[in-house]
Amino acid sequence: MRIALIAHDRMKDRMVALAREFAPELRAHTLMGTGTTGGRLVDEAGLAVERLLSGPLGGDLQIGARLAVGEVDAVVFLRDPMTPQPHEPDIHALVRACDVHDVPCATNVSGARLLLRALLR
């Protein structure tokens, strides 16, 4: 599977913890992530992650474009609902692309655990 892993700044620690929890299963799949999140997953969870641009610099759009042509099978996007994001339209576009193309998308840790358990185990 090709899985996109994205997290807003205040959610990056949770993404690293989640990735560590599922690391043995995630290692068997192709992973991509936006800038800093991808770097932290490489450095702190020991995963091979293709790093795209940072979200505010277009990384969310890069993942959305891949998703639209069938190159993403699932998205874990740990969003921070309490902090306004300067690239909010890009975030909405990515989540909408998941809906349009029927790609599973989890936007919080509980949903991510359920999604990853269903897909990876």
N, C-alpha and C. Protein backbone atom coordinates (compact mmCIF):
# COMPACT_ATOMS: atom_id res chain seq x y z
N MET A 1 0.83 -1.17 0.00
CA MET A 1 0.00 0.00 0.00
C MET A 1 0.88 1.25 0.00
N ARG A 2 0.31 2.33 -0.51
CA ARG A 2 0.99 3.63 -0.51
C ARG A 2 0.22 4.53 0.46
N ILE A 3 0.89 4.90 1.55
CA ILE A 3 0.23 5.61 2.64
C ILE A 3 0.88 6.98 2.83
N ALA A 4 0.04 8.02 2.88
CA ALA A 4 0.51 9.37 3.14
C ALA A 4 0.35 9.68 4.62
N LEU A 5 1.39 10.23 5.22
CA LEU A 5 1.39 10.58 6.64
C LEU A 5 1.69 12.07 6.78
N ILE A 6 0.73 12.79 7.36
CA ILE A 6 0.81 14.25 7.45
C ILE A 6 0.38 14.65 8.85
N ALA A 7 1.02 15.67 9.42
CA ALA A 7 0.62 16.15 10.74
C ALA A 7 0.92 17.63 10.87
N HIS A 8 -0.03 18.35 11.41
CA HIS A 8 0.21 19.75 11.74
C HIS A 8 1.22 19.83 12.88
N ASP A 9 1.82 21.01 13.05
CA ASP A 9 2.91 21.17 14.01
C ASP A 9 2.59 20.62 15.40
N ARG A 10 1.45 20.97 15.94
CA ARG A 10 1.11 20.53 17.30
C ARG A 10 0.74 19.05 17.37
N MET A 11 0.67 18.38 16.22
CA MET A 11 0.30 16.96 16.17
C MET A 11 1.47 16.06 15.78
N LYS A 12 2.62 16.64 15.53
CA LYS A 12 3.76 15.85 15.06
C LYS A 12 4.23 14.83 16.09
N ASP A 13 4.25 15.19 17.36
CA ASP A 13 4.65 14.22 18.38
C ASP A 13 3.71 13.02 18.39
N ARG A 14 2.43 13.27 18.22
CA ARG A 14 1.44 12.18 18.18
C ARG A 14 1.64 11.31 16.93
N MET A 15 2.00 11.93 15.81
CA MET A 15 2.25 11.16 14.60
C MET A 15 3.47 10.26 14.79
N VAL A 16 4.51 10.79 15.40
CA VAL A 16 5.71 9.97 15.65
C VAL A 16 5.34 8.79 16.56
N ALA A 17 4.58 9.04 17.61
CA ALA A 17 4.17 7.96 18.52
C ALA A 17 3.33 6.91 17.78
N LEU A 18 2.43 7.36 16.95
CA LEU A 18 1.59 6.45 16.17
C LEU A 18 2.44 5.63 15.21
N ALA A 19 3.39 6.28 14.55
CA ALA A 19 4.27 5.58 13.61
C ALA A 19 5.13 4.55 14.33
N ARG A 20 5.60 4.87 15.51
CA ARG A 20 6.37 3.89 16.28
C ARG A 20 5.51 2.70 16.65
N GLU A 21 4.27 2.97 17.03
CA GLU A 21 3.33 1.90 17.41
C GLU A 21 3.11 0.92 16.25
N PHE A 22 3.04 1.45 15.03
CA PHE A 22 2.76 0.62 13.85
C PHE A 22 3.99 0.41 12.97
N ALA A 23 5.17 0.73 13.47
CA ALA A 23 6.39 0.68 12.64
C ALA A 23 6.61 -0.67 11.96
N PRO A 24 6.48 -1.80 12.66
CA PRO A 24 6.73 -3.07 11.96
C PRO A 24 5.82 -3.27 10.75
N GLU A 25 4.57 -2.88 10.88
CA GLU A 25 3.63 -3.02 9.77
C GLU A 25 3.88 -1.97 8.68
N LEU A 26 4.17 -0.74 9.10
CA LEU A 26 4.38 0.34 8.12
C LEU A 26 5.61 0.09 7.26
N ARG A 27 6.62 -0.56 7.80
CA ARG A 27 7.86 -0.80 7.04
C ARG A 27 7.62 -1.62 5.76
N ALA A 28 6.53 -2.37 5.72
CA ALA A 28 6.24 -3.20 4.56
C ALA A 28 5.54 -2.43 3.44
N HIS A 29 5.31 -1.13 3.64
CA HIS A 29 4.54 -0.34 2.69
C HIS A 29 5.33 0.88 2.23
N THR A 30 4.85 1.53 1.18
CA THR A 30 5.46 2.74 0.66
C THR A 30 4.86 3.93 1.38
N LEU A 31 5.70 4.72 2.02
CA LEU A 31 5.24 5.85 2.81
C LEU A 31 5.69 7.15 2.20
N MET A 32 4.82 8.15 2.29
CA MET A 32 5.17 9.51 1.88
C MET A 32 4.68 10.45 2.95
N GLY A 33 5.35 11.58 3.10
CA GLY A 33 4.93 12.54 4.11
C GLY A 33 5.35 13.93 3.71
N THR A 34 4.71 14.90 4.31
CA THR A 34 5.09 16.28 4.06
C THR A 34 6.36 16.59 4.85
N GLY A 35 7.09 17.58 4.40
CA GLY A 35 8.37 18.05 4.92
C GLY A 35 8.83 17.60 6.29
N THR A 36 8.51 18.37 7.30
CA THR A 36 9.00 18.10 8.66
C THR A 36 8.47 16.80 9.21
N THR A 37 7.20 16.52 8.95
CA THR A 37 6.62 15.26 9.44
C THR A 37 7.40 14.08 8.88
N GLY A 38 7.66 14.09 7.59
CA GLY A 38 8.42 13.00 6.98
C GLY A 38 9.80 12.87 7.58
N GLY A 39 10.47 13.99 7.81
CA GLY A 39 11.80 13.96 8.41
C GLY A 39 11.78 13.39 9.81
N ARG A 40 10.80 13.76 10.59
CA ARG A 40 10.71 13.24 11.95
C ARG A 40 10.41 11.74 11.94
N LEU A 41 9.61 11.29 11.00
CA LEU A 41 9.30 9.85 10.93
C LEU A 41 10.54 9.05 10.55
N VAL A 42 11.38 9.62 9.70
CA VAL A 42 12.65 8.97 9.35
C VAL A 42 13.56 8.94 10.57
N ASP A 43 13.75 10.09 11.19
CA ASP A 43 14.71 10.23 12.29
C ASP A 43 14.26 9.56 13.58
N GLU A 44 12.99 9.68 13.92
CA GLU A 44 12.52 9.25 15.23
C GLU A 44 11.77 7.92 15.24
N ALA A 45 11.25 7.51 14.09
CA ALA A 45 10.53 6.23 14.04
C ALA A 45 11.26 5.20 13.18
N GLY A 46 12.34 5.62 12.52
CA GLY A 46 13.14 4.70 11.73
C GLY A 46 12.45 4.18 10.48
N LEU A 47 11.54 4.97 9.92
CA LEU A 47 10.80 4.55 8.74
C LEU A 47 11.40 5.17 7.48
N ALA A 48 11.24 4.49 6.36
CA ALA A 48 11.62 5.05 5.07
C ALA A 48 10.41 5.83 4.55
N VAL A 49 10.57 7.14 4.47
CA VAL A 49 9.46 8.00 4.06
C VAL A 49 9.95 8.93 2.95
N GLU A 50 9.22 8.94 1.84
CA GLU A 50 9.51 9.91 0.80
C GLU A 50 9.02 11.26 1.30
N ARG A 51 9.92 12.22 1.38
CA ARG A 51 9.56 13.55 1.88
C ARG A 51 9.20 14.47 0.73
N LEU A 52 8.00 15.01 0.82
CA LEU A 52 7.53 15.99 -0.14
C LEU A 52 7.72 17.37 0.47
N LEU A 53 7.19 18.38 -0.16
CA LEU A 53 7.29 19.73 0.39
C LEU A 53 6.53 19.84 1.70
N SER A 54 6.87 20.84 2.48
CA SER A 54 6.10 21.17 3.68
C SER A 54 4.67 21.50 3.24
N GLY A 55 3.70 21.24 4.13
CA GLY A 55 2.31 21.53 3.81
C GLY A 55 2.06 22.94 3.31
N PRO A 56 2.51 23.95 4.05
CA PRO A 56 2.27 25.33 3.61
C PRO A 56 2.97 25.68 2.30
N LEU A 57 3.97 24.90 1.91
CA LEU A 57 4.69 25.17 0.66
C LEU A 57 4.20 24.31 -0.50
N GLY A 58 3.11 23.55 -0.27
CA GLY A 58 2.52 22.77 -1.36
C GLY A 58 2.53 21.27 -1.17
N GLY A 59 3.04 20.78 -0.05
CA GLY A 59 3.09 19.33 0.18
C GLY A 59 1.72 18.67 0.20
N ASP A 60 0.74 19.34 0.81
CA ASP A 60 -0.62 18.78 0.83
C ASP A 60 -1.15 18.64 -0.60
N LEU A 61 -0.85 19.64 -1.43
CA LEU A 61 -1.29 19.60 -2.83
C LEU A 61 -0.57 18.51 -3.61
N GLN A 62 0.72 18.29 -3.31
CA GLN A 62 1.45 17.21 -3.97
C GLN A 62 0.80 15.86 -3.66
N ILE A 63 0.47 15.65 -2.41
CA ILE A 63 -0.17 14.38 -2.03
C ILE A 63 -1.54 14.28 -2.69
N GLY A 64 -2.29 15.38 -2.69
CA GLY A 64 -3.60 15.38 -3.34
C GLY A 64 -3.51 15.04 -4.83
N ALA A 65 -2.48 15.55 -5.51
CA ALA A 65 -2.30 15.26 -6.93
C ALA A 65 -2.01 13.77 -7.14
N ARG A 66 -1.18 13.20 -6.31
CA ARG A 66 -0.88 11.77 -6.42
C ARG A 66 -2.13 10.94 -6.14
N LEU A 67 -2.87 11.36 -5.14
CA LEU A 67 -4.10 10.67 -4.77
C LEU A 67 -5.07 10.66 -5.96
N ALA A 68 -5.18 11.79 -6.65
CA ALA A 68 -6.13 11.92 -7.75
C ALA A 68 -5.81 11.00 -8.92
N VAL A 69 -4.54 10.59 -9.05
CA VAL A 69 -4.17 9.68 -10.15
C VAL A 69 -3.94 8.25 -9.66
N GLY A 70 -4.44 7.95 -8.46
CA GLY A 70 -4.39 6.58 -7.96
C GLY A 70 -3.08 6.16 -7.33
N GLU A 71 -2.24 7.10 -6.91
CA GLU A 71 -0.94 6.76 -6.34
C GLU A 71 -0.89 6.84 -4.82
N VAL A 72 -2.05 6.99 -4.18
CA VAL A 72 -2.14 6.99 -2.71
C VAL A 72 -3.32 6.11 -2.33
N ASP A 73 -3.10 5.17 -1.43
CA ASP A 73 -4.14 4.23 -1.03
C ASP A 73 -4.81 4.60 0.29
N ALA A 74 -4.14 5.39 1.12
CA ALA A 74 -4.70 5.81 2.41
C ALA A 74 -3.96 7.04 2.89
N VAL A 75 -4.67 7.87 3.68
CA VAL A 75 -4.09 9.10 4.21
C VAL A 75 -4.33 9.15 5.71
N VAL A 76 -3.26 9.42 6.45
CA VAL A 76 -3.38 9.75 7.87
C VAL A 76 -2.93 11.20 7.98
N PHE A 77 -3.86 12.07 8.31
CA PHE A 77 -3.60 13.51 8.36
C PHE A 77 -4.03 13.99 9.74
N LEU A 78 -3.08 14.02 10.68
CA LEU A 78 -3.41 14.46 12.04
C LEU A 78 -3.48 15.98 12.04
N ARG A 79 -4.70 16.47 12.00
CA ARG A 79 -4.95 17.91 11.92
C ARG A 79 -5.09 18.51 13.30
N ASP A 80 -4.69 19.74 13.43
CA ASP A 80 -4.85 20.50 14.66
C ASP A 80 -6.10 21.37 14.50
N PRO A 81 -7.21 20.97 15.10
CA PRO A 81 -8.45 21.71 14.89
C PRO A 81 -8.52 23.03 15.65
N MET A 82 -7.56 23.28 16.53
CA MET A 82 -7.61 24.47 17.38
C MET A 82 -6.71 25.61 16.90
N THR A 83 -5.91 25.35 15.87
CA THR A 83 -4.98 26.37 15.38
C THR A 83 -5.28 26.68 13.93
N PRO A 84 -5.55 27.94 13.60
CA PRO A 84 -5.77 28.30 12.19
C PRO A 84 -4.52 27.99 11.37
N GLN A 85 -4.71 27.48 10.18
CA GLN A 85 -3.60 27.13 9.30
C GLN A 85 -3.58 28.08 8.10
N PRO A 86 -2.42 28.60 7.74
CA PRO A 86 -2.36 29.54 6.62
C PRO A 86 -2.72 28.90 5.28
N HIS A 87 -2.59 27.59 5.20
CA HIS A 87 -2.87 26.88 3.95
C HIS A 87 -4.16 26.06 4.05
N GLU A 88 -5.13 26.58 4.80
CA GLU A 88 -6.40 25.87 5.01
C GLU A 88 -7.07 25.42 3.70
N PRO A 89 -7.08 26.23 2.64
CA PRO A 89 -7.68 25.74 1.39
C PRO A 89 -7.02 24.47 0.85
N ASP A 90 -5.70 24.37 1.01
CA ASP A 90 -5.00 23.16 0.55
C ASP A 90 -5.41 21.95 1.37
N ILE A 91 -5.59 22.16 2.67
CA ILE A 91 -6.00 21.07 3.57
C ILE A 91 -7.38 20.57 3.17
N HIS A 92 -8.30 21.50 2.96
CA HIS A 92 -9.65 21.11 2.55
C HIS A 92 -9.63 20.40 1.20
N ALA A 93 -8.78 20.86 0.30
CA ALA A 93 -8.68 20.23 -1.02
C ALA A 93 -8.20 18.79 -0.90
N LEU A 94 -7.24 18.53 -0.02
CA LEU A 94 -6.74 17.17 0.15
C LEU A 94 -7.82 16.26 0.75
N VAL A 95 -8.49 16.71 1.79
CA VAL A 95 -9.54 15.90 2.40
C VAL A 95 -10.68 15.67 1.41
N ARG A 96 -11.01 16.70 0.64
CA ARG A 96 -12.04 16.56 -0.38
C ARG A 96 -11.61 15.54 -1.44
N ALA A 97 -10.35 15.58 -1.85
CA ALA A 97 -9.85 14.61 -2.83
C ALA A 97 -9.99 13.18 -2.30
N CYS A 98 -9.76 12.99 -1.02
CA CYS A 98 -9.97 11.66 -0.42
C CYS A 98 -11.43 11.23 -0.59
N ASP A 99 -12.36 12.16 -0.35
CA ASP A 99 -13.77 11.84 -0.50
C ASP A 99 -14.13 11.57 -1.96
N VAL A 100 -13.66 12.41 -2.87
CA VAL A 100 -13.97 12.27 -4.29
C VAL A 100 -13.46 10.94 -4.83
N HIS A 101 -12.24 10.55 -4.43
CA HIS A 101 -11.60 9.35 -4.98
C HIS A 101 -11.75 8.13 -4.08
N ASP A 102 -12.57 8.26 -3.03
CA ASP A 102 -12.88 7.14 -2.13
C ASP A 102 -11.63 6.52 -1.52
N VAL A 103 -10.75 7.39 -1.03
CA VAL A 103 -9.52 6.96 -0.36
C VAL A 103 -9.72 7.15 1.14
N PRO A 104 -9.48 6.12 1.95
CA PRO A 104 -9.67 6.28 3.39
C PRO A 104 -8.73 7.34 3.96
N CYS A 105 -9.28 8.17 4.87
CA CYS A 105 -8.55 9.28 5.45
C CYS A 105 -8.90 9.39 6.92
N ALA A 106 -7.90 9.37 7.77
CA ALA A 106 -8.10 9.56 9.21
C ALA A 106 -7.49 10.91 9.59
N THR A 107 -8.23 11.69 10.38
CA THR A 107 -7.75 13.03 10.73
C THR A 107 -7.50 13.20 12.22
N ASN A 108 -7.61 12.11 12.99
CA ASN A 108 -7.27 12.17 14.41
C ASN A 108 -6.66 10.83 14.80
N VAL A 109 -6.06 10.77 15.98
CA VAL A 109 -5.30 9.59 16.39
C VAL A 109 -6.19 8.35 16.50
N SER A 110 -7.37 8.49 17.07
CA SER A 110 -8.26 7.33 17.22
C SER A 110 -8.65 6.77 15.85
N GLY A 111 -9.03 7.65 14.94
CA GLY A 111 -9.37 7.21 13.60
C GLY A 111 -8.17 6.60 12.89
N ALA A 112 -7.00 7.17 13.10
CA ALA A 112 -5.78 6.65 12.47
C ALA A 112 -5.48 5.23 12.97
N ARG A 113 -5.64 5.01 14.26
CA ARG A 113 -5.39 3.65 14.79
C ARG A 113 -6.35 2.64 14.15
N LEU A 114 -7.62 3.01 14.08
CA LEU A 114 -8.59 2.10 13.45
C LEU A 114 -8.25 1.84 12.00
N LEU A 115 -7.91 2.89 11.27
CA LEU A 115 -7.58 2.75 9.86
C LEU A 115 -6.34 1.87 9.68
N LEU A 116 -5.29 2.17 10.42
CA LEU A 116 -4.06 1.40 10.28
C LEU A 116 -4.25 -0.05 10.71
N ARG A 117 -4.98 -0.29 11.77
CA ARG A 117 -5.26 -1.68 12.18
C ARG A 117 -5.98 -2.43 11.06
N ALA A 118 -6.97 -1.79 10.47
CA ALA A 118 -7.75 -2.44 9.40
C ALA A 118 -6.89 -2.69 8.17
N LEU A 119 -6.04 -1.76 7.82
CA LEU A 119 -5.25 -1.88 6.60
C LEU A 119 -4.01 -2.75 6.75
N LEU A 120 -3.37 -2.70 7.91
CA LEU A 120 -2.04 -3.28 8.06
C LEU A 120 -1.99 -4.62 8.79
N ARG A 121 -3.01 -4.94 9.54
CA ARG A 121 -2.91 -6.19 10.31
C ARG A 121 -3.79 -7.28 9.76
